[in-house]
Amino acid sequence: MISILMQGQASTASYQANALLNPAGTDLDYSTVVTDANVQSLDNFRLDRQLTQKENDALDDASPTNIAALKAIAASIAKDNAKAVEEVARRILAAQSGGQESAAA
């Protein structure tokens, strides 16, 4: 029950952030759908995926098997959303180098 409530809130917030911050028509499929055509215009990136039977999202399951399964799904999410991860990293690095240049001036 807690999982349903937590996921519902997260999904609602994701939908709203996507509608407010991204261009109209930007798709969500758990994660923000990032393409070559829209990557520069996005201001909100959600990286998410539905868990399978292998992963347990119970807060009290810190078993080595479950931790390994959660790490595997996290790696899969990063791989499946590489374009989004690369764009976020590019923006962070650009902001850092811009801040350093203005501080030196």
C-alpha atoms as a PDB file:
ATOM      1  CA  MET A   1       0.000   0.000   0.000  1.00  0.00           C
ATOM      2  CA  ILE A   2       2.807   2.437   0.865  1.00  0.00           C
ATOM      3  CA  SER A   3       4.461   1.668  -2.480  1.00  0.00           C
ATOM      4  CA  ILE A   4       1.273   2.583  -4.348  1.00  0.00           C
ATOM      5  CA  LEU A   5       0.937   5.853  -2.461  1.00  0.00           C
ATOM      6  CA  MET A   6       4.584   6.799  -2.965  1.00  0.00           C
ATOM      7  CA  GLN A   7       4.552   5.902  -6.668  1.00  0.00           C
ATOM      8  CA  GLY A   8       1.316   7.816  -7.238  1.00  0.00           C
ATOM      9  CA  GLN A   9       2.760  10.994  -5.772  1.00  0.00           C
ATOM     10  CA  ALA A  10       5.982  10.643  -7.751  1.00  0.00           C
ATOM     11  CA  SER A  11       4.103   9.978 -10.984  1.00  0.00           C
ATOM     12  CA  THR A  12       1.857  12.993 -10.435  1.00  0.00           C
ATOM     13  CA  ALA A  13       4.813  15.262  -9.685  1.00  0.00           C
ATOM     14  CA  SER A  14       6.642  13.937 -12.757  1.00  0.00           C
ATOM     15  CA  TYR A  15       3.627  14.572 -14.984  1.00  0.00           C
ATOM     16  CA  GLN A  16       3.256  18.116 -13.658  1.00  0.00           C
ATOM     17  CA  ALA A  17       6.966  18.936 -13.949  1.00  0.00           C
ATOM     18  CA  ASN A  18       7.018  17.577 -17.496  1.00  0.00           C
ATOM     19  CA  ALA A  19       3.971  19.678 -18.423  1.00  0.00           C
ATOM     20  CA  LEU A  20       5.377  22.862 -16.853  1.00  0.00           C
ATOM     21  CA  LEU A  21       9.067  22.633 -17.742  1.00  0.00           C
ATOM     22  CA  ASN A  22       9.291  20.754 -21.033  1.00  0.00           C
ATOM     23  CA  PRO A  23       7.955  21.663 -24.471  1.00  0.00           C
ATOM     24  CA  ALA A  24       4.387  20.587 -25.197  1.00  0.00           C
ATOM     25  CA  GLY A  25       4.210  17.022 -26.465  1.00  0.00           C
ATOM     26  CA  THR A  26       7.272  15.737 -24.587  1.00  0.00           C
ATOM     27  CA  ASP A  27       6.534  12.086 -23.853  1.00  0.00           C
ATOM     28  CA  LEU A  28       6.948  10.245 -20.575  1.00  0.00           C
ATOM     29  CA  ASP A  29       7.450   6.484 -20.525  1.00  0.00           C
ATOM     30  CA  TYR A  30       8.388   6.224 -16.838  1.00  0.00           C
ATOM     31  CA  SER A  31      11.417   8.264 -17.891  1.00  0.00           C
ATOM     32  CA  THR A  32      11.414  11.402 -20.023  1.00  0.00           C
ATOM     33  CA  VAL A  33      11.667  10.354 -23.665  1.00  0.00           C
ATOM     34  CA  VAL A  34      14.847  12.066 -24.857  1.00  0.00           C
ATOM     35  CA  THR A  35      15.635  12.254 -28.557  1.00  0.00           C
ATOM     36  CA  ASP A  36      18.195  14.072 -30.696  1.00  0.00           C
ATOM     37  CA  ALA A  37      15.409  16.469 -31.677  1.00  0.00           C
ATOM     38  CA  ASN A  38      14.344  17.448 -28.143  1.00  0.00           C
ATOM     39  CA  VAL A  39      17.430  16.999 -25.943  1.00  0.00           C
ATOM     40  CA  GLN A  40      18.461  20.685 -26.085  1.00  0.00           C
ATOM     41  CA  SER A  41      14.965  21.985 -25.274  1.00  0.00           C
ATOM     42  CA  LEU A  42      14.247  19.874 -22.174  1.00  0.00           C
ATOM     43  CA  ASP A  43      14.446  21.437 -18.723  1.00  0.00           C
ATOM     44  CA  ASN A  44      13.187  18.437 -16.737  1.00  0.00           C
ATOM     45  CA  PHE A  45      14.610  14.926 -16.965  1.00  0.00           C
ATOM     46  CA  ARG A  46      13.014  12.014 -15.112  1.00  0.00           C
ATOM     47  CA  LEU A  47      14.896   8.722 -15.056  1.00  0.00           C
ATOM     48  CA  ASP A  48      12.698   5.880 -13.850  1.00  0.00           C
ATOM     49  CA  ARG A  49      11.576   2.374 -14.634  1.00  0.00           C
ATOM     50  CA  GLN A  50       9.055  -0.081 -13.301  1.00  0.00           C
ATOM     51  CA  LEU A  51      10.558  -2.731 -11.047  1.00  0.00           C
ATOM     52  CA  THR A  52      10.286  -6.387 -11.974  1.00  0.00           C
ATOM     53  CA  GLN A  53       9.789  -9.384  -9.709  1.00  0.00           C
ATOM     54  CA  LYS A  54      13.568  -9.529  -9.074  1.00  0.00           C
ATOM     55  CA  GLU A  55      13.707  -6.184  -7.254  1.00  0.00           C
ATOM     56  CA  ASN A  56      11.972  -5.476  -3.977  1.00  0.00           C
ATOM     57  CA  ASP A  57      11.269  -1.839  -3.145  1.00  0.00           C
ATOM     58  CA  ALA A  58      10.402  -2.588   0.477  1.00  0.00           C
ATOM     59  CA  LEU A  59      12.276  -0.105   2.635  1.00  0.00           C
ATOM     60  CA  ASP A  60      13.389  -2.834   5.036  1.00  0.00           C
ATOM     61  CA  ASP A  61      14.878  -5.249   2.464  1.00  0.00           C
ATOM     62  CA  ALA A  62      18.612  -4.559   2.590  1.00  0.00           C
ATOM     63  CA  SER A  63      19.544  -8.127   1.754  1.00  0.00           C
ATOM     64  CA  PRO A  64      22.629  -8.554  -0.450  1.00  0.00           C
ATOM     65  CA  THR A  65      20.476 -10.135  -3.173  1.00  0.00           C
ATOM     66  CA  ASN A  66      18.064  -7.206  -3.252  1.00  0.00           C
ATOM     67  CA  ILE A  67      20.850  -4.595  -3.121  1.00  0.00           C
ATOM     68  CA  ALA A  68      22.500  -6.313  -6.099  1.00  0.00           C
ATOM     69  CA  ALA A  69      19.186  -6.354  -7.983  1.00  0.00           C
ATOM     70  CA  LEU A  70      18.588  -2.655  -7.265  1.00  0.00           C
ATOM     71  CA  LYS A  71      22.127  -1.777  -8.381  1.00  0.00           C
ATOM     72  CA  ALA A  72      21.546  -3.723 -11.603  1.00  0.00           C
ATOM     73  CA  ILE A  73      18.316  -1.869 -12.348  1.00  0.00           C
ATOM     74  CA  ALA A  74      20.021   1.462 -11.593  1.00  0.00           C
ATOM     75  CA  ALA A  75      22.774   0.612 -14.103  1.00  0.00           C
ATOM     76  CA  SER A  76      20.107  -0.368 -16.619  1.00  0.00           C
ATOM     77  CA  ILE A  77      18.260   2.919 -16.126  1.00  0.00           C
ATOM     78  CA  ALA A  78      21.488   4.876 -16.661  1.00  0.00           C
ATOM     79  CA  LYS A  79      22.283   2.865 -19.801  1.00  0.00           C
ATOM     80  CA  ASP A  80      18.763   3.159 -21.220  1.00  0.00           C
ATOM     81  CA  ASN A  81      18.793   6.922 -20.580  1.00  0.00           C
ATOM     82  CA  ALA A  82      22.373   7.658 -21.636  1.00  0.00           C
ATOM     83  CA  LYS A  83      21.348  10.601 -23.815  1.00  0.00           C
ATOM     84  CA  ALA A  84      19.629  12.287 -20.841  1.00  0.00           C
ATOM     85  CA  VAL A  85      22.531  11.542 -18.465  1.00  0.00           C
ATOM     86  CA  GLU A  86      25.035  12.952 -20.962  1.00  0.00           C
ATOM     87  CA  GLU A  87      22.973  16.125 -21.461  1.00  0.00           C
ATOM     88  CA  VAL A  88      22.635  16.732 -17.718  1.00  0.00           C
ATOM     89  CA  ALA A  89      26.384  16.196 -17.270  1.00  0.00           C
ATOM     90  CA  ARG A  90      27.118  18.563 -20.173  1.00  0.00           C
ATOM     91  CA  ARG A  91      24.946  21.275 -18.596  1.00  0.00           C
ATOM     92  CA  ILE A  92      26.544  20.860 -15.171  1.00  0.00           C
ATOM     93  CA  LEU A  93      30.049  21.109 -16.632  1.00  0.00           C
ATOM     94  CA  ALA A  94      29.064  24.130 -18.728  1.00  0.00           C
ATOM     95  CA  ALA A  95      27.627  25.869 -15.657  1.00  0.00           C
ATOM     96  CA  GLN A  96      30.763  25.110 -13.639  1.00  0.00           C
ATOM     97  CA  SER A  97      33.122  26.415 -16.293  1.00  0.00           C
ATOM     98  CA  GLY A  98      30.921  29.498 -16.800  1.00  0.00           C
ATOM     99  CA  GLY A  99      30.958  30.208 -13.079  1.00  0.00           C
ATOM    100  CA  GLN A 100      34.733  29.869 -12.890  1.00  0.00           C
ATOM    101  CA  GLU A 101      35.259  32.251 -15.802  1.00  0.00           C
ATOM    102  CA  SER A 102      33.079  34.959 -14.262  1.00  0.00           C
ATOM    103  CA  ALA A 103      34.759  34.517 -10.871  1.00  0.00           C
ATOM    104  CA  ALA A 104      38.209  34.954 -12.453  1.00  0.00           C
ATOM    105  CA  ALA A 105      37.193  38.132 -14.293  1.00  0.00           C
END
